[in-house]
N, C-alpha and C. Protein backbone atom coordinates (compact mmCIF):
# COMPACT_ATOMS: atom_id res chain seq x y z
N UNK A 1 76.69 106.44 52.80
CA UNK A 1 77.16 107.25 53.91
C UNK A 1 78.46 108.05 53.30
N UNK A 2 78.64 109.24 53.26
CA UNK A 2 80.00 109.71 52.66
C UNK A 2 80.74 110.43 54.15
N UNK A 3 81.87 110.60 53.92
CA UNK A 3 82.90 111.15 54.86
C UNK A 3 83.71 112.24 54.43
N UNK A 4 84.13 113.23 55.36
CA UNK A 4 85.04 114.12 54.77
C UNK A 4 86.56 113.29 54.92
N UNK A 5 87.20 113.59 53.91
CA UNK A 5 88.53 112.97 53.97
C UNK A 5 89.39 113.54 55.43
N UNK A 6 90.28 112.54 55.82
CA UNK A 6 91.05 113.13 56.85
C UNK A 6 92.36 113.83 56.33
N UNK A 7 92.65 114.82 57.06
CA UNK A 7 93.76 115.94 56.78
C UNK A 7 94.99 115.04 57.28
N UNK A 8 95.65 114.20 56.81
CA UNK A 8 96.83 113.24 57.47
C UNK A 8 97.95 114.32 57.89
N UNK A 9 98.23 115.30 56.94
CA UNK A 9 99.23 116.19 57.43
C UNK A 9 99.00 116.97 58.65
N UNK A 10 97.55 117.50 58.89
CA UNK A 10 97.18 117.99 60.16
C UNK A 10 97.35 117.17 61.25
N UNK A 11 96.83 115.80 61.13
CA UNK A 11 97.13 114.90 62.27
C UNK A 11 98.47 114.57 62.59
N UNK A 12 99.29 114.51 61.56
CA UNK A 12 100.79 114.29 61.74
C UNK A 12 101.37 115.41 62.49
N UNK A 13 100.92 116.77 62.29
CA UNK A 13 101.44 117.90 63.02
C UNK A 13 101.06 117.92 64.37
N UNK A 14 99.77 117.34 64.69
CA UNK A 14 99.22 117.36 66.07
C UNK A 14 100.06 116.22 66.85
N UNK A 15 100.58 115.16 65.99
CA UNK A 15 101.21 114.22 66.84
C UNK A 15 102.62 114.27 66.67
N UNK A 16 103.05 115.61 66.17
CA UNK A 16 104.45 116.09 65.98
C UNK A 16 105.22 114.99 65.31
N UNK A 17 104.78 114.45 64.26
CA UNK A 17 105.35 113.47 63.15
C UNK A 17 105.71 114.19 61.96
N UNK A 18 106.90 113.87 61.45
CA UNK A 18 107.37 114.54 60.19
C UNK A 18 107.37 113.51 59.04
N UNK A 19 106.06 113.52 58.41
CA UNK A 19 106.12 112.52 57.23
C UNK A 19 106.44 112.87 56.20
N UNK A 20 106.90 112.10 55.24
CA UNK A 20 107.29 112.19 53.72
C UNK A 20 105.79 112.04 52.81
N UNK A 21 106.05 112.59 51.70
CA UNK A 21 104.83 112.88 50.77
C UNK A 21 104.54 111.23 50.64
N UNK A 22 105.30 110.40 50.71
CA UNK A 22 105.04 108.77 50.22
C UNK A 22 104.41 108.53 51.49
N UNK A 23 104.83 108.49 52.83
CA UNK A 23 104.13 108.46 54.06
C UNK A 23 102.54 108.67 54.01
N UNK A 24 102.51 109.88 53.69
CA UNK A 24 101.08 110.86 53.80
C UNK A 24 100.14 109.92 52.94
N UNK A 25 100.74 109.59 51.90
CA UNK A 25 99.81 109.00 50.54
C UNK A 25 99.40 107.55 51.08
N UNK A 26 100.27 106.89 51.75
CA UNK A 26 100.11 105.61 52.24
C UNK A 26 98.99 105.50 53.50
N UNK A 27 99.44 106.61 54.51
CA UNK A 27 98.55 106.76 55.39
C UNK A 27 97.09 107.23 55.15
N UNK A 28 96.92 107.97 53.79
CA UNK A 28 95.69 108.60 53.59
C UNK A 28 94.98 107.18 53.01
N UNK A 29 95.46 106.41 52.15
CA UNK A 29 94.69 105.26 51.66
C UNK A 29 94.41 104.31 52.61
N UNK A 30 95.09 104.15 53.74
CA UNK A 30 94.91 103.16 54.97
C UNK A 30 93.64 103.90 55.55
N UNK A 31 93.61 105.17 55.83
CA UNK A 31 92.62 105.94 56.63
C UNK A 31 91.44 105.60 55.80
N UNK A 32 91.23 105.86 54.59
CA UNK A 32 90.03 105.50 53.74
C UNK A 32 89.76 104.07 53.71
N UNK A 33 90.35 103.46 53.69
CA UNK A 33 90.13 102.05 53.83
C UNK A 33 89.49 101.61 54.96
N UNK A 34 89.92 102.30 56.16
CA UNK A 34 89.36 102.01 57.68
C UNK A 34 87.92 102.72 57.44
N UNK A 35 88.03 103.74 57.00
CA UNK A 35 86.63 104.46 57.29
C UNK A 35 85.57 103.61 56.26
N UNK A 36 86.04 102.97 55.17
CA UNK A 36 85.15 102.33 54.32
C UNK A 36 84.57 101.24 55.02
N UNK A 37 85.18 100.38 55.73
CA UNK A 37 85.03 99.27 56.66
C UNK A 37 83.85 99.76 57.59
N UNK A 38 84.29 100.93 58.36
CA UNK A 38 83.25 101.38 59.36
C UNK A 38 82.05 101.77 58.66
N UNK A 39 82.01 102.37 57.37
CA UNK A 39 80.86 102.63 56.60
C UNK A 39 79.93 101.34 56.50
N UNK A 40 80.74 100.39 56.03
CA UNK A 40 79.81 98.73 55.75
C UNK A 40 79.27 98.31 57.06
N UNK A 41 80.12 98.44 58.37
CA UNK A 41 79.62 98.12 59.66
C UNK A 41 78.50 98.88 59.91
N UNK A 42 78.22 100.15 59.85
CA UNK A 42 77.05 100.83 60.14
C UNK A 42 75.91 100.64 59.40
N UNK A 43 76.15 100.12 58.04
CA UNK A 43 74.96 99.96 57.19
C UNK A 43 74.19 98.35 57.72
N UNK A 44 74.81 97.77 58.69
CA UNK A 44 74.24 96.64 58.94
C UNK A 44 73.08 96.99 60.06
N UNK A 45 72.10 96.27 59.76
CA UNK A 45 70.63 96.47 60.48
C UNK A 45 70.61 95.58 61.54
N UNK A 46 70.83 96.04 62.72
CA UNK A 46 70.60 95.19 64.11
C UNK A 46 69.45 95.67 64.86
N UNK A 47 68.88 94.63 65.56
CA UNK A 47 67.65 94.94 66.16
C UNK A 47 68.21 95.50 67.59
N UNK A 48 67.17 96.27 68.08
CA UNK A 48 67.51 96.74 69.66
C UNK A 48 68.63 97.48 69.54
N UNK A 49 68.97 98.07 70.71
CA UNK A 49 70.07 99.09 71.19
C UNK A 49 71.22 98.26 71.35
N UNK A 50 72.17 98.85 70.88
CA UNK A 50 73.55 98.14 70.97
C UNK A 50 74.37 98.98 72.07
N UNK A 51 74.91 98.18 72.85
CA UNK A 51 75.82 98.84 74.08
C UNK A 51 76.96 98.12 74.21
N UNK A 52 77.79 98.66 74.92
CA UNK A 52 79.34 98.22 75.13
C UNK A 52 79.29 96.94 76.07
N UNK A 53 78.36 97.15 77.08
CA UNK A 53 78.07 95.88 77.85
C UNK A 53 76.78 95.16 77.76
N UNK A 54 76.55 94.21 78.46
CA UNK A 54 75.44 93.51 78.45
C UNK A 54 74.69 93.93 79.66
N UNK A 55 73.43 94.58 79.42
CA UNK A 55 72.78 94.94 80.47
C UNK A 55 71.82 93.85 81.09
N UNK A 56 71.84 92.72 80.68
CA UNK A 56 71.11 91.69 81.06
C UNK A 56 71.66 90.65 82.00
N UNK A 57 72.47 91.41 82.79
CA UNK A 57 73.38 90.60 83.86
C UNK A 57 72.72 90.29 85.22
N UNK A 58 71.53 91.12 85.00
CA UNK A 58 70.90 90.85 86.52
C UNK A 58 71.17 91.75 87.48
N UNK A 59 70.74 92.07 88.52
CA UNK A 59 70.94 92.76 89.52
C UNK A 59 72.44 92.74 90.49
N UNK A 60 73.07 93.79 90.45
CA UNK A 60 74.32 93.73 91.35
C UNK A 60 74.10 94.01 92.50
N UNK A 61 74.84 93.57 93.57
CA UNK A 61 74.56 93.82 94.91
C UNK A 61 74.85 95.26 95.34
N UNK A 62 74.16 95.62 96.43
CA UNK A 62 74.34 96.84 96.76
C UNK A 62 75.70 96.87 97.84
N UNK A 63 76.52 98.04 97.68
CA UNK A 63 77.92 98.25 98.29
C UNK A 63 77.44 98.65 99.83
N UNK A 64 77.98 97.74 100.71
CA UNK A 64 77.74 97.74 102.04
C UNK A 64 78.80 98.05 102.74
N UNK A 65 79.12 98.81 103.53
CA UNK A 65 80.38 99.10 104.36
C UNK A 65 80.46 98.02 105.20
N UNK A 66 81.76 97.73 105.57
CA UNK A 66 82.21 96.56 106.73
C UNK A 66 83.54 97.13 106.97
N UNK A 67 83.86 96.24 107.98
CA UNK A 67 85.04 96.39 108.58
C UNK A 67 86.32 95.75 107.85
N UNK A 68 87.29 96.59 107.55
CA UNK A 68 88.53 96.04 106.72
C UNK A 68 89.20 94.85 107.67
N UNK A 69 90.11 94.21 106.82
CA UNK A 69 90.98 93.15 107.44
C UNK A 69 91.86 93.93 108.26
N UNK A 70 92.37 93.36 109.36
CA UNK A 70 93.32 93.88 110.27
C UNK A 70 94.72 93.57 109.37
N UNK A 71 95.68 94.25 109.39
CA UNK A 71 96.91 94.22 108.85
C UNK A 71 97.77 92.88 109.23
N UNK A 72 97.53 92.47 110.62
CA UNK A 72 98.26 91.36 111.02
C UNK A 72 97.59 90.03 110.14
N UNK A 73 96.23 90.08 110.00
CA UNK A 73 95.38 89.10 109.26
C UNK A 73 95.89 89.09 107.81
N UNK A 74 96.10 90.15 107.25
CA UNK A 74 96.45 90.12 105.74
C UNK A 74 98.06 89.54 105.58
N UNK A 75 98.69 90.02 106.67
CA UNK A 75 100.35 89.35 106.60
C UNK A 75 100.33 87.93 106.91
N UNK A 76 99.33 87.51 107.42
CA UNK A 76 99.48 85.85 107.85
C UNK A 76 99.08 85.17 106.34
N UNK A 77 98.37 85.68 105.43
CA UNK A 77 98.35 85.01 104.20
C UNK A 77 99.45 85.54 103.24
N UNK A 78 100.45 86.28 103.63
CA UNK A 78 101.35 86.50 102.67
C UNK A 78 102.54 85.61 102.37
N UNK A 79 103.19 85.25 101.13
CA UNK A 79 103.83 84.30 101.37
C UNK A 79 105.36 84.85 101.82
N UNK A 80 105.54 86.22 101.73
CA UNK A 80 106.89 86.53 102.31
C UNK A 80 106.45 88.05 102.81
N UNK A 81 107.19 88.32 104.18
CA UNK A 81 106.77 89.76 104.56
C UNK A 81 107.97 90.07 105.37
N UNK A 82 108.01 91.44 105.38
CA UNK A 82 109.16 91.85 106.21
C UNK A 82 108.87 93.48 106.50
N UNK A 83 109.14 93.92 107.75
CA UNK A 83 108.77 95.17 108.29
C UNK A 83 107.23 95.64 108.16
N UNK A 84 106.18 94.72 108.40
CA UNK A 84 105.00 94.72 108.42
C UNK A 84 104.39 95.08 107.02
N UNK A 85 105.06 94.61 105.90
CA UNK A 85 104.86 94.64 104.57
C UNK A 85 104.83 93.33 103.89
N UNK A 86 104.12 93.54 102.69
CA UNK A 86 104.33 92.09 102.01
C UNK A 86 105.35 92.15 100.85
N UNK A 87 106.11 91.26 101.03
CA UNK A 87 107.35 91.33 99.98
C UNK A 87 107.10 90.61 98.66
N UNK A 88 107.40 91.10 97.49
CA UNK A 88 107.29 90.62 96.40
C UNK A 88 108.42 90.51 95.60
N UNK A 89 108.30 89.47 94.50
CA UNK A 89 109.60 89.73 93.81
C UNK A 89 109.99 90.78 92.90
N UNK A 90 111.19 91.20 92.89
CA UNK A 90 111.63 92.41 92.14
C UNK A 90 111.29 92.05 90.63
N UNK A 91 110.73 93.28 89.92
CA UNK A 91 110.04 93.27 88.66
C UNK A 91 110.67 94.33 87.85
N UNK A 92 111.79 94.93 88.23
CA UNK A 92 112.51 96.06 87.63
C UNK A 92 113.90 95.63 87.26
N UNK A 93 114.39 95.68 86.08
CA UNK A 93 115.81 95.10 85.96
C UNK A 93 116.65 96.21 86.59
N UNK A 94 117.99 95.63 86.81
CA UNK A 94 118.83 96.71 87.26
C UNK A 94 119.44 97.45 86.06
N UNK A 95 119.76 98.81 86.41
CA UNK A 95 120.05 99.45 85.20
C UNK A 95 121.54 99.65 85.11
């Protein structure tokens, strides 16, 4: 199976990258190698349909509407709370 070569300069232009001729040559050879690996994988004869997920998981339960937890019940399980909200540790560093 043959493929058309990827125009590295065009892709770089779309990505707003300014590549040197040396970088274009390196990326072109790397992309050709990747496409060669993909071609070798597509040559493998696998039985059945190939899917991204296993369809043999069994039936999933139907979604059934139910009442939500009361805010007070949720706050009872919170390790820290203030002003009817769950408090969590700060995850953003000071600027």
